[in-house]
Structures are given as structure tokens and as C-alpha cells.
Amino acid sequence: MLGMVKNTLLSTVEAWPYRLLSKGEKDQVSYEERTYEGGKFAAVELVGKPFDEASKEGAVKLLKYVGGSNDKGVGMGMTAPVSITAFPAEDGSFQQKVKVSLRIPSQFQDSPPCPTDESIKIEERQGMTIYSTQFGGYAKEADYVSYAAKLKAALGSDAAYQKDSYLCNGYDPPMKPYGRRNEVWFVKE
């Protein structure tokens, strides 16, 4: 636990490498198209819990992992964002199923330590291109649903992206009270 707190408070945060492809704005909604590198990710799936509870639980598990709860007992440093894959229901709310993931820091990409928590899996993922919109505050399910609807409206019907899930991203530690960054990502098809 001490490693997790030290890791989130004292370490620098490594950003997930990406390249900006374009920027747009429609109906006062700013958005970007970016391409992200692939790599190894730590991920945990949670089912049967509301989004806010499950995403918090998953994030804590991953923070413990990168903070030293792994077979090497090493604090790896933090990466951003913490991504939560959400699965929208017909009414736009989220199903009670999430996947919380974090990109493994660069220096551990070749050989990531094994998590001591068996619910955490190490996954190899391909790069992806996304559409993104950003907002502040302490994000909850209602915020992500609202900004996803705004992004969908801004992109219009011409944009091709996955409709069965999208990514809800947080960039900041929980103790950061202002200037917070959250994003909704639609993965381009």
C-alpha cells in the first residue's frame, strides 16, 4: 500500500505515446483524432457492479500492481491515462461490466512483472486510432455518458467507430482537486 501511495504521489507520470492526426469542433464540442501505440497493458475485468464502484475498484488494483504488488516487488511508476472500457446499454447507460486498464511503463514493456493479484491480466494490444473529447472534474458514469453523447453528435453519422464499447479515461490521481483531465474515446474502425 505504501508503494502505491508513493508511486501516485511522488513519481512522474508517463503518458501513453500518441500522435495527433486532426482537431475539430462542432456545436461547442472540441474533439481530436489521435493514433496511439500498442504495447503491453495490465487489465482487470469487473462484472456485476455499478460503473463508478467497479472502475474505482479496478483502478486501485492496478495502482497496487504498478506500486509494487508484483512478483518482483518493484514500483514501476505511473502511466496515464487509466482507461475504463464501458459497454453502453440500449438507453445509453452502462452495463454492469467494465475493463480497467493501464499501459505498462516503457522500461517494463519487454518483460512486465507478474501481478500478485490473479484478477489482473497482462495483455498485448495493437495500436489504435481514436476520436476523443475532454472534460474536467471528478468524472462519474453520468459525465462519461453525457460527453459520449456530445462526441457522438459532434462526429455525426459519417465517422466510423466501434459502437458496442468506448473508453472512459482519467489522467489524474484522486487527490488532485482541480485542473483534472478526463476524456471519452471512441475507437475508430
N, C-alpha and C. Protein backbone atom coordinates (compact mmCIF):
# COMPACT_ATOMS: atom_id res chain seq x y z
N MET A 1 0.82 -1.19 0.00
CA MET A 1 0.00 0.00 0.00
C MET A 1 0.87 1.27 0.00
N LEU A 2 1.93 1.26 0.81
CA LEU A 2 2.83 2.41 0.84
C LEU A 2 3.45 2.64 -0.54
N GLY A 3 3.80 1.56 -1.24
CA GLY A 3 4.34 1.68 -2.59
C GLY A 3 3.36 2.33 -3.54
N MET A 4 2.07 1.98 -3.39
CA MET A 4 1.03 2.55 -4.25
C MET A 4 0.92 4.05 -4.01
N VAL A 5 0.89 4.46 -2.73
CA VAL A 5 0.77 5.88 -2.40
C VAL A 5 2.00 6.64 -2.89
N LYS A 6 3.20 6.11 -2.63
CA LYS A 6 4.44 6.75 -3.09
C LYS A 6 4.45 6.85 -4.61
N ASN A 7 4.01 5.79 -5.27
CA ASN A 7 4.01 5.75 -6.73
C ASN A 7 3.10 6.83 -7.32
N THR A 8 1.91 7.04 -6.73
CA THR A 8 0.97 8.00 -7.29
C THR A 8 1.28 9.44 -6.87
N LEU A 9 1.91 9.62 -5.73
CA LEU A 9 2.18 10.98 -5.25
C LEU A 9 3.53 11.53 -5.69
N LEU A 10 4.55 10.68 -5.71
CA LEU A 10 5.91 11.17 -5.88
C LEU A 10 6.53 10.90 -7.24
N SER A 11 5.96 10.00 -8.01
CA SER A 11 6.59 9.67 -9.28
C SER A 11 6.05 10.56 -10.40
N THR A 12 6.81 10.65 -11.46
CA THR A 12 6.31 11.34 -12.64
C THR A 12 5.41 10.37 -13.39
N VAL A 13 4.50 10.91 -14.13
CA VAL A 13 3.53 10.09 -14.85
C VAL A 13 3.95 10.04 -16.32
N GLU A 14 4.08 8.82 -16.81
CA GLU A 14 4.45 8.60 -18.21
C GLU A 14 3.17 8.61 -19.05
N ALA A 15 3.16 9.42 -20.09
CA ALA A 15 1.99 9.49 -20.98
C ALA A 15 2.05 8.37 -22.01
N TRP A 16 0.89 7.84 -22.35
CA TRP A 16 0.77 6.83 -23.39
C TRP A 16 1.12 7.51 -24.72
N PRO A 17 2.14 7.03 -25.44
CA PRO A 17 2.59 7.70 -26.68
C PRO A 17 1.50 7.72 -27.77
N TYR A 18 1.31 8.91 -28.33
CA TYR A 18 0.32 9.07 -29.40
C TYR A 18 0.77 10.16 -30.37
N ARG A 19 0.04 10.21 -31.47
CA ARG A 19 0.27 11.25 -32.48
C ARG A 19 -1.09 11.89 -32.81
N LEU A 20 -1.14 13.21 -32.76
CA LEU A 20 -2.36 13.94 -33.09
C LEU A 20 -2.54 13.95 -34.60
N LEU A 21 -3.71 13.52 -35.07
CA LEU A 21 -3.99 13.49 -36.51
C LEU A 21 -4.80 14.69 -36.95
N SER A 22 -5.80 15.08 -36.14
CA SER A 22 -6.62 16.23 -36.51
C SER A 22 -7.40 16.72 -35.29
N LYS A 23 -7.89 17.96 -35.41
CA LYS A 23 -8.74 18.57 -34.39
C LYS A 23 -10.01 19.05 -35.07
N GLY A 24 -11.09 19.05 -34.31
CA GLY A 24 -12.35 19.56 -34.85
C GLY A 24 -13.19 20.16 -33.75
N GLU A 25 -14.23 20.86 -34.16
CA GLU A 25 -15.20 21.41 -33.22
C GLU A 25 -16.54 21.53 -33.92
N LYS A 26 -17.59 21.12 -33.22
CA LYS A 26 -18.94 21.24 -33.75
C LYS A 26 -19.89 21.41 -32.56
N ASP A 27 -20.78 22.38 -32.66
CA ASP A 27 -21.75 22.66 -31.59
C ASP A 27 -21.07 22.81 -30.23
N GLN A 28 -19.98 23.54 -30.20
CA GLN A 28 -19.20 23.84 -28.99
C GLN A 28 -18.58 22.61 -28.34
N VAL A 29 -18.41 21.54 -29.11
CA VAL A 29 -17.73 20.33 -28.63
C VAL A 29 -16.42 20.20 -29.40
N SER A 30 -15.31 20.32 -28.68
CA SER A 30 -14.00 20.14 -29.30
C SER A 30 -13.64 18.67 -29.24
N TYR A 31 -13.02 18.19 -30.30
CA TYR A 31 -12.59 16.79 -30.31
C TYR A 31 -11.31 16.66 -31.12
N GLU A 32 -10.61 15.53 -30.89
CA GLU A 32 -9.38 15.24 -31.60
C GLU A 32 -9.42 13.83 -32.13
N GLU A 33 -8.67 13.63 -33.22
CA GLU A 33 -8.42 12.29 -33.73
C GLU A 33 -6.94 12.02 -33.48
N ARG A 34 -6.66 10.92 -32.79
CA ARG A 34 -5.28 10.57 -32.44
C ARG A 34 -5.02 9.10 -32.75
N THR A 35 -3.74 8.78 -32.96
CA THR A 35 -3.35 7.38 -33.08
C THR A 35 -2.39 7.06 -31.93
N TYR A 36 -2.68 5.94 -31.27
CA TYR A 36 -1.90 5.52 -30.09
C TYR A 36 -1.10 4.27 -30.40
N GLU A 37 0.08 4.18 -29.78
CA GLU A 37 0.93 2.99 -29.91
C GLU A 37 0.30 1.82 -29.19
N GLY A 38 0.60 0.64 -29.68
CA GLY A 38 0.21 -0.58 -28.97
C GLY A 38 1.19 -0.85 -27.85
N GLY A 39 1.09 -2.03 -27.27
CA GLY A 39 2.01 -2.40 -26.21
C GLY A 39 1.36 -3.35 -25.22
N LYS A 40 2.01 -3.49 -24.08
CA LYS A 40 1.50 -4.37 -23.02
C LYS A 40 0.74 -3.53 -22.00
N PHE A 41 -0.38 -4.08 -21.56
CA PHE A 41 -1.27 -3.41 -20.61
C PHE A 41 -1.60 -4.35 -19.47
N ALA A 42 -1.77 -3.78 -18.29
CA ALA A 42 -2.34 -4.52 -17.16
C ALA A 42 -3.83 -4.21 -17.18
N ALA A 43 -4.66 -5.25 -17.07
CA ALA A 43 -6.10 -5.06 -17.17
C ALA A 43 -6.83 -5.95 -16.17
N VAL A 44 -7.94 -5.44 -15.69
CA VAL A 44 -8.79 -6.22 -14.78
C VAL A 44 -10.24 -5.99 -15.20
N GLU A 45 -11.00 -7.09 -15.27
CA GLU A 45 -12.42 -7.02 -15.62
C GLU A 45 -13.25 -7.16 -14.37
N LEU A 46 -14.29 -6.34 -14.27
CA LEU A 46 -15.22 -6.42 -13.15
C LEU A 46 -16.64 -6.48 -13.70
N VAL A 47 -17.43 -7.40 -13.16
CA VAL A 47 -18.79 -7.62 -13.64
C VAL A 47 -19.74 -7.61 -12.44
N GLY A 48 -20.94 -7.09 -12.66
CA GLY A 48 -21.98 -7.16 -11.63
C GLY A 48 -21.96 -6.01 -10.64
N LYS A 49 -21.20 -4.97 -10.93
CA LYS A 49 -21.14 -3.80 -10.04
C LYS A 49 -21.41 -2.56 -10.87
N PRO A 50 -21.98 -1.51 -10.25
CA PRO A 50 -22.18 -0.25 -10.97
C PRO A 50 -20.84 0.30 -11.45
N PHE A 51 -20.88 1.07 -12.54
CA PHE A 51 -19.68 1.60 -13.19
C PHE A 51 -18.75 2.31 -12.21
N ASP A 52 -19.26 3.26 -11.44
CA ASP A 52 -18.40 4.06 -10.57
C ASP A 52 -17.68 3.19 -9.54
N GLU A 53 -18.39 2.24 -8.95
CA GLU A 53 -17.79 1.34 -7.96
C GLU A 53 -16.75 0.42 -8.61
N ALA A 54 -17.12 -0.16 -9.75
CA ALA A 54 -16.21 -1.10 -10.43
C ALA A 54 -14.96 -0.40 -10.95
N SER A 55 -15.12 0.79 -11.51
CA SER A 55 -13.95 1.49 -12.05
C SER A 55 -12.98 1.89 -10.94
N LYS A 56 -13.50 2.30 -9.81
CA LYS A 56 -12.64 2.65 -8.67
C LYS A 56 -11.91 1.41 -8.17
N GLU A 57 -12.63 0.31 -8.01
CA GLU A 57 -12.01 -0.94 -7.54
C GLU A 57 -10.91 -1.41 -8.50
N GLY A 58 -11.19 -1.34 -9.79
CA GLY A 58 -10.21 -1.76 -10.79
C GLY A 58 -8.98 -0.87 -10.79
N ALA A 59 -9.19 0.45 -10.67
CA ALA A 59 -8.06 1.39 -10.65
C ALA A 59 -7.16 1.14 -9.44
N VAL A 60 -7.75 0.89 -8.29
CA VAL A 60 -6.96 0.62 -7.08
C VAL A 60 -6.12 -0.64 -7.26
N LYS A 61 -6.71 -1.69 -7.85
CA LYS A 61 -5.96 -2.93 -8.10
C LYS A 61 -4.74 -2.65 -8.98
N LEU A 62 -4.94 -1.87 -10.05
CA LEU A 62 -3.84 -1.58 -10.97
C LEU A 62 -2.78 -0.68 -10.32
N LEU A 63 -3.21 0.27 -9.50
CA LEU A 63 -2.25 1.13 -8.80
C LEU A 63 -1.39 0.32 -7.83
N LYS A 64 -1.99 -0.65 -7.19
CA LYS A 64 -1.22 -1.53 -6.30
C LYS A 64 -0.19 -2.32 -7.12
N TYR A 65 -0.63 -2.82 -8.28
CA TYR A 65 0.28 -3.59 -9.14
C TYR A 65 1.50 -2.76 -9.54
N VAL A 66 1.28 -1.56 -10.10
CA VAL A 66 2.42 -0.75 -10.53
C VAL A 66 3.19 -0.16 -9.34
N GLY A 67 2.54 -0.16 -8.17
CA GLY A 67 3.19 0.33 -6.96
C GLY A 67 4.06 -0.70 -6.26
N GLY A 68 4.06 -1.95 -6.75
CA GLY A 68 4.95 -2.96 -6.17
C GLY A 68 4.31 -4.29 -5.83
N SER A 69 2.98 -4.42 -5.99
CA SER A 69 2.32 -5.71 -5.73
C SER A 69 2.46 -6.60 -6.96
N ASN A 70 3.70 -7.03 -7.17
CA ASN A 70 4.02 -7.88 -8.30
C ASN A 70 5.14 -8.83 -7.89
N ASP A 71 5.44 -9.81 -8.76
CA ASP A 71 6.41 -10.85 -8.38
C ASP A 71 7.83 -10.32 -8.15
N LYS A 72 8.12 -9.13 -8.66
CA LYS A 72 9.45 -8.55 -8.45
C LYS A 72 9.47 -7.53 -7.31
N GLY A 73 8.27 -7.22 -6.77
CA GLY A 73 8.19 -6.25 -5.68
C GLY A 73 8.68 -4.87 -6.06
N VAL A 74 8.58 -4.53 -7.34
CA VAL A 74 9.14 -3.28 -7.83
C VAL A 74 8.03 -2.27 -8.16
N GLY A 75 8.24 -1.02 -7.72
CA GLY A 75 7.37 0.07 -8.13
C GLY A 75 7.77 0.49 -9.53
N MET A 76 6.82 0.46 -10.45
CA MET A 76 7.15 0.70 -11.86
C MET A 76 6.96 2.15 -12.30
N GLY A 77 6.29 2.95 -11.50
CA GLY A 77 5.93 4.28 -11.95
C GLY A 77 4.53 4.24 -12.55
N MET A 78 3.99 5.40 -12.76
CA MET A 78 2.60 5.51 -13.20
C MET A 78 2.54 5.91 -14.67
N THR A 79 1.52 5.42 -15.36
CA THR A 79 1.23 5.87 -16.72
C THR A 79 -0.17 6.46 -16.75
N ALA A 80 -0.42 7.27 -17.74
CA ALA A 80 -1.74 7.87 -17.90
C ALA A 80 -2.12 7.78 -19.36
N PRO A 81 -3.39 7.58 -19.61
CA PRO A 81 -4.49 7.55 -18.66
C PRO A 81 -4.76 6.14 -18.12
N VAL A 82 -5.58 6.10 -17.05
CA VAL A 82 -6.23 4.86 -16.66
C VAL A 82 -7.48 4.80 -17.54
N SER A 83 -7.61 3.70 -18.30
CA SER A 83 -8.71 3.57 -19.25
C SER A 83 -9.73 2.56 -18.74
N ILE A 84 -10.98 2.93 -18.84
CA ILE A 84 -12.07 2.05 -18.44
C ILE A 84 -12.93 1.79 -19.68
N THR A 85 -12.94 0.54 -20.12
CA THR A 85 -13.80 0.19 -21.25
C THR A 85 -15.21 0.02 -20.71
N ALA A 86 -16.13 0.81 -21.24
CA ALA A 86 -17.53 0.76 -20.83
C ALA A 86 -18.37 0.20 -21.98
N PHE A 87 -19.43 -0.48 -21.61
CA PHE A 87 -20.31 -1.12 -22.58
C PHE A 87 -21.71 -0.52 -22.44
N PRO A 88 -22.08 0.38 -23.36
CA PRO A 88 -23.37 1.05 -23.22
C PRO A 88 -24.56 0.12 -23.46
N ALA A 89 -25.61 0.32 -22.68
CA ALA A 89 -26.87 -0.38 -22.87
C ALA A 89 -27.70 0.38 -23.90
N GLU A 90 -28.85 -0.14 -24.24
CA GLU A 90 -29.72 0.49 -25.25
C GLU A 90 -30.07 1.94 -24.88
N ASP A 91 -30.26 2.22 -23.58
CA ASP A 91 -30.66 3.57 -23.15
C ASP A 91 -29.47 4.52 -22.98
N GLY A 92 -28.26 4.04 -23.27
CA GLY A 92 -27.06 4.88 -23.16
C GLY A 92 -26.33 4.73 -21.84
N SER A 93 -27.02 4.22 -20.81
CA SER A 93 -26.34 3.96 -19.53
C SER A 93 -25.38 2.79 -19.71
N PHE A 94 -24.57 2.51 -18.72
CA PHE A 94 -23.58 1.44 -18.84
C PHE A 94 -24.10 0.12 -18.29
N GLN A 95 -23.73 -0.97 -18.95
CA GLN A 95 -23.96 -2.30 -18.41
C GLN A 95 -23.05 -2.48 -17.19
N GLN A 96 -23.36 -3.44 -16.35
CA GLN A 96 -22.53 -3.68 -15.16
C GLN A 96 -21.37 -4.58 -15.50
N LYS A 97 -20.52 -4.05 -16.37
CA LYS A 97 -19.33 -4.76 -16.84
C LYS A 97 -18.32 -3.71 -17.28
N VAL A 98 -17.11 -3.74 -16.74
CA VAL A 98 -16.06 -2.81 -17.15
C VAL A 98 -14.73 -3.55 -17.24
N LYS A 99 -13.84 -2.98 -18.01
CA LYS A 99 -12.46 -3.45 -18.05
C LYS A 99 -11.59 -2.22 -17.80
N VAL A 100 -10.85 -2.25 -16.69
CA VAL A 100 -9.97 -1.15 -16.33
C VAL A 100 -8.56 -1.54 -16.74
N SER A 101 -7.87 -0.64 -17.44
CA SER A 101 -6.53 -0.98 -17.91
C SER A 101 -5.58 0.20 -17.82
N LEU A 102 -4.30 -0.16 -17.82
CA LEU A 102 -3.22 0.79 -17.68
C LEU A 102 -2.07 0.29 -18.54
N ARG A 103 -1.49 1.18 -19.34
CA ARG A 103 -0.34 0.79 -20.16
C ARG A 103 0.87 0.58 -19.24
N ILE A 104 1.55 -0.53 -19.41
CA ILE A 104 2.75 -0.82 -18.64
C ILE A 104 3.81 0.24 -18.99
N PRO A 105 4.51 0.81 -17.99
CA PRO A 105 5.55 1.81 -18.29
C PRO A 105 6.61 1.27 -19.26
N SER A 106 7.16 2.16 -20.06
CA SER A 106 8.08 1.81 -21.15
C SER A 106 9.22 0.90 -20.73
N GLN A 107 9.84 1.18 -19.60
CA GLN A 107 11.01 0.39 -19.20
C GLN A 107 10.64 -1.04 -18.83
N PHE A 108 9.35 -1.34 -18.66
CA PHE A 108 8.90 -2.69 -18.32
C PHE A 108 8.12 -3.36 -19.46
N GLN A 109 8.01 -2.69 -20.62
CA GLN A 109 7.24 -3.23 -21.74
C GLN A 109 7.76 -4.60 -22.19
N ASP A 110 9.07 -4.79 -22.26
CA ASP A 110 9.62 -6.06 -22.75
C ASP A 110 9.37 -7.22 -21.81
N SER A 111 9.38 -6.95 -20.51
CA SER A 111 9.23 -8.03 -19.53
C SER A 111 8.52 -7.49 -18.28
N PRO A 112 7.19 -7.31 -18.35
CA PRO A 112 6.48 -6.77 -17.19
C PRO A 112 6.45 -7.75 -16.03
N PRO A 113 6.57 -7.25 -14.81
CA PRO A 113 6.44 -8.12 -13.64
C PRO A 113 5.04 -8.77 -13.62
N CYS A 114 4.96 -9.95 -13.07
CA CYS A 114 3.67 -10.64 -12.94
C CYS A 114 2.90 -10.08 -11.76
N PRO A 115 1.62 -9.79 -11.94
CA PRO A 115 0.81 -9.29 -10.82
C PRO A 115 0.64 -10.37 -9.76
N THR A 116 0.63 -9.96 -8.49
CA THR A 116 0.32 -10.91 -7.41
C THR A 116 -1.19 -11.10 -7.29
N ASP A 117 -1.97 -10.16 -7.78
CA ASP A 117 -3.43 -10.26 -7.82
C ASP A 117 -3.80 -11.01 -9.10
N GLU A 118 -4.36 -12.20 -8.95
CA GLU A 118 -4.66 -13.05 -10.11
C GLU A 118 -5.76 -12.49 -11.02
N SER A 119 -6.51 -11.50 -10.55
CA SER A 119 -7.55 -10.92 -11.40
C SER A 119 -6.96 -9.97 -12.44
N ILE A 120 -5.70 -9.57 -12.26
CA ILE A 120 -5.03 -8.68 -13.22
C ILE A 120 -4.35 -9.52 -14.28
N LYS A 121 -4.63 -9.21 -15.53
CA LYS A 121 -4.02 -9.91 -16.66
C LYS A 121 -3.13 -8.95 -17.43
N ILE A 122 -2.04 -9.47 -17.97
CA ILE A 122 -1.17 -8.68 -18.85
C ILE A 122 -1.59 -8.99 -20.29
N GLU A 123 -1.93 -7.95 -21.04
CA GLU A 123 -2.42 -8.12 -22.41
C GLU A 123 -1.52 -7.38 -23.39
N GLU A 124 -1.35 -7.98 -24.55
CA GLU A 124 -0.65 -7.32 -25.66
C GLU A 124 -1.73 -6.72 -26.55
N ARG A 125 -1.64 -5.42 -26.81
CA ARG A 125 -2.66 -4.75 -27.63
C ARG A 125 -2.01 -4.06 -28.82
N GLN A 126 -2.76 -4.03 -29.90
CA GLN A 126 -2.33 -3.32 -31.11
C GLN A 126 -2.57 -1.82 -30.93
N GLY A 127 -1.91 -1.03 -31.74
CA GLY A 127 -2.17 0.40 -31.75
C GLY A 127 -3.59 0.67 -32.19
N MET A 128 -4.07 1.88 -31.96
CA MET A 128 -5.44 2.22 -32.35
C MET A 128 -5.55 3.71 -32.65
N THR A 129 -6.56 4.03 -33.42
CA THR A 129 -6.90 5.41 -33.71
C THR A 129 -8.22 5.70 -33.03
N ILE A 130 -8.29 6.86 -32.38
CA ILE A 130 -9.47 7.19 -31.59
C ILE A 130 -9.97 8.60 -31.90
N TYR A 131 -11.24 8.83 -31.58
CA TYR A 131 -11.81 10.17 -31.51
C TYR A 131 -11.97 10.47 -30.02
N SER A 132 -11.59 11.68 -29.60
CA SER A 132 -11.57 11.99 -28.18
C SER A 132 -12.17 13.36 -27.90
N THR A 133 -12.88 13.46 -26.77
CA THR A 133 -13.28 14.76 -26.24
C THR A 133 -12.90 14.81 -24.77
N GLN A 134 -12.58 16.00 -24.29
CA GLN A 134 -12.02 16.18 -22.95
C GLN A 134 -12.95 17.00 -22.07
N PHE A 135 -12.94 16.71 -20.75
CA PHE A 135 -13.69 17.49 -19.78
C PHE A 135 -13.00 17.40 -18.42
N GLY A 136 -13.37 18.27 -17.50
CA GLY A 136 -12.73 18.33 -16.18
C GLY A 136 -13.58 17.74 -15.08
N GLY A 137 -13.11 17.90 -13.85
CA GLY A 137 -13.84 17.46 -12.66
C GLY A 137 -13.56 16.02 -12.28
N TYR A 138 -14.25 15.58 -11.25
CA TYR A 138 -14.20 14.18 -10.82
C TYR A 138 -15.26 13.44 -11.62
N ALA A 139 -14.84 12.67 -12.61
CA ALA A 139 -15.78 12.07 -13.56
C ALA A 139 -16.50 10.86 -12.96
N LYS A 140 -17.79 10.81 -13.21
CA LYS A 140 -18.65 9.69 -12.82
C LYS A 140 -19.33 9.16 -14.08
N GLU A 141 -20.08 8.08 -13.93
CA GLU A 141 -20.77 7.47 -15.07
C GLU A 141 -21.59 8.50 -15.85
N ALA A 142 -22.37 9.33 -15.15
CA ALA A 142 -23.24 10.30 -15.83
C ALA A 142 -22.42 11.27 -16.68
N ASP A 143 -21.23 11.65 -16.23
CA ASP A 143 -20.38 12.56 -17.00
C ASP A 143 -19.89 11.89 -18.29
N TYR A 144 -19.41 10.65 -18.15
CA TYR A 144 -18.93 9.94 -19.34
C TYR A 144 -20.07 9.72 -20.35
N VAL A 145 -21.25 9.35 -19.87
CA VAL A 145 -22.40 9.15 -20.76
C VAL A 145 -22.75 10.45 -21.47
N SER A 146 -22.75 11.56 -20.73
CA SER A 146 -23.07 12.86 -21.31
C SER A 146 -22.06 13.28 -22.37
N TYR A 147 -20.77 13.14 -22.07
CA TYR A 147 -19.74 13.55 -23.03
C TYR A 147 -19.66 12.59 -24.21
N ALA A 148 -19.99 11.34 -24.01
CA ALA A 148 -20.05 10.40 -25.14
C ALA A 148 -21.17 10.82 -26.10
N ALA A 149 -22.30 11.23 -25.56
CA ALA A 149 -23.41 11.69 -26.40
C ALA A 149 -23.01 12.95 -27.17
N LYS A 150 -22.28 13.85 -26.51
CA LYS A 150 -21.82 15.08 -27.18
C LYS A 150 -20.82 14.76 -28.28
N LEU A 151 -19.90 13.82 -28.01
CA LEU A 151 -18.92 13.44 -29.02
C LEU A 151 -19.61 12.78 -30.21
N LYS A 152 -20.56 11.90 -29.93
CA LYS A 152 -21.32 11.23 -31.00
C LYS A 152 -22.02 12.27 -31.88
N ALA A 153 -22.65 13.25 -31.27
CA ALA A 153 -23.33 14.30 -32.03
C ALA A 153 -22.35 15.13 -32.85
N ALA A 154 -21.20 15.47 -32.25
CA ALA A 154 -20.21 16.28 -32.96
C ALA A 154 -19.62 15.55 -34.16
N LEU A 155 -19.39 14.24 -34.02
CA LEU A 155 -18.81 13.47 -35.12
C LEU A 155 -19.81 13.23 -36.25
N GLY A 156 -21.08 13.18 -35.92
CA GLY A 156 -22.10 12.94 -36.93
C GLY A 156 -22.11 11.50 -37.41
N SER A 157 -22.86 11.25 -38.45
CA SER A 157 -23.06 9.87 -38.92
C SER A 157 -21.95 9.38 -39.85
N ASP A 158 -21.07 10.27 -40.30
CA ASP A 158 -20.02 9.86 -41.23
C ASP A 158 -18.84 9.15 -40.57
N ALA A 159 -18.62 9.41 -39.28
CA ALA A 159 -17.47 8.83 -38.57
C ALA A 159 -17.73 7.35 -38.27
N ALA A 160 -16.75 6.53 -38.60
CA ALA A 160 -16.86 5.08 -38.36
C ALA A 160 -16.06 4.73 -37.10
N TYR A 161 -16.77 4.27 -36.08
CA TYR A 161 -16.12 3.87 -34.82
C TYR A 161 -16.93 2.76 -34.17
N GLN A 162 -16.29 2.06 -33.24
CA GLN A 162 -16.96 0.95 -32.56
C GLN A 162 -18.11 1.48 -31.72
N LYS A 163 -19.26 0.84 -31.84
CA LYS A 163 -20.46 1.30 -31.13
C LYS A 163 -20.76 0.47 -29.88
N ASP A 164 -20.16 -0.72 -29.77
CA ASP A 164 -20.50 -1.61 -28.65
C ASP A 164 -19.73 -1.29 -27.37
N SER A 165 -18.72 -0.44 -27.45
CA SER A 165 -17.96 -0.05 -26.27
C SER A 165 -17.22 1.25 -26.57
N TYR A 166 -16.82 1.93 -25.51
CA TYR A 166 -15.93 3.08 -25.64
C TYR A 166 -15.10 3.21 -24.38
N LEU A 167 -14.07 4.05 -24.46
CA LEU A 167 -13.11 4.18 -23.36
C LEU A 167 -13.36 5.47 -22.58
N CYS A 168 -13.40 5.31 -21.26
CA CYS A 168 -13.53 6.42 -20.32
C CYS A 168 -12.17 6.56 -19.64
N ASN A 169 -11.54 7.70 -19.78
CA ASN A 169 -10.15 7.86 -19.35
C ASN A 169 -9.98 8.94 -18.29
N GLY A 170 -9.17 8.61 -17.29
CA GLY A 170 -8.80 9.57 -16.26
C GLY A 170 -7.29 9.71 -16.23
N TYR A 171 -6.83 10.94 -16.12
CA TYR A 171 -5.39 11.22 -16.18
C TYR A 171 -4.79 11.60 -14.82
N ASP A 172 -5.60 11.82 -13.80
CA ASP A 172 -5.11 12.41 -12.57
C ASP A 172 -5.29 11.52 -11.35
N PRO A 173 -4.40 11.67 -10.35
CA PRO A 173 -4.59 10.93 -9.10
C PRO A 173 -5.83 11.48 -8.37
N PRO A 174 -6.45 10.66 -7.52
CA PRO A 174 -7.69 11.09 -6.87
C PRO A 174 -7.53 12.31 -5.96
N MET A 175 -6.31 12.54 -5.46
CA MET A 175 -6.11 13.66 -4.54
C MET A 175 -5.86 15.00 -5.25
N LYS A 176 -5.92 15.01 -6.56
CA LYS A 176 -5.75 16.28 -7.30
C LYS A 176 -7.12 16.97 -7.35
N PRO A 177 -7.29 18.09 -6.66
CA PRO A 177 -8.63 18.68 -6.53
C PRO A 177 -9.12 19.51 -7.72
N TYR A 178 -8.22 20.05 -8.53
CA TYR A 178 -8.66 20.90 -9.64
C TYR A 178 -7.73 20.72 -10.83
N GLY A 179 -8.17 21.23 -11.98
CA GLY A 179 -7.38 21.06 -13.20
C GLY A 179 -7.36 19.62 -13.68
N ARG A 180 -8.41 18.88 -13.37
CA ARG A 180 -8.46 17.45 -13.71
C ARG A 180 -8.77 17.26 -15.19
N ARG A 181 -8.25 16.16 -15.75
CA ARG A 181 -8.45 15.85 -17.17
C ARG A 181 -9.09 14.46 -17.30
N ASN A 182 -10.21 14.43 -17.98
CA ASN A 182 -10.91 13.19 -18.31
C ASN A 182 -11.23 13.23 -19.80
N GLU A 183 -11.32 12.06 -20.41
CA GLU A 183 -11.66 12.00 -21.83
C GLU A 183 -12.55 10.80 -22.11
N VAL A 184 -13.38 10.96 -23.13
CA VAL A 184 -14.12 9.84 -23.73
C VAL A 184 -13.46 9.55 -25.06
N TRP A 185 -13.17 8.28 -25.32
CA TRP A 185 -12.57 7.85 -26.60
C TRP A 185 -13.50 6.90 -27.32
N PHE A 186 -13.75 7.17 -28.59
CA PHE A 186 -14.39 6.20 -29.48
C PHE A 186 -13.28 5.61 -30.34
N VAL A 187 -13.19 4.30 -30.40
CA VAL A 187 -12.15 3.63 -31.18
C VAL A 187 -12.61 3.56 -32.64
N LYS A 188 -11.79 4.12 -33.51
CA LYS A 188 -12.10 4.19 -34.93
C LYS A 188 -12.04 2.79 -35.56
N GLU A 189 -12.97 2.52 -36.47
CA GLU A 189 -12.99 1.23 -37.17
C GLU A 189 -12.17 1.30 -38.42
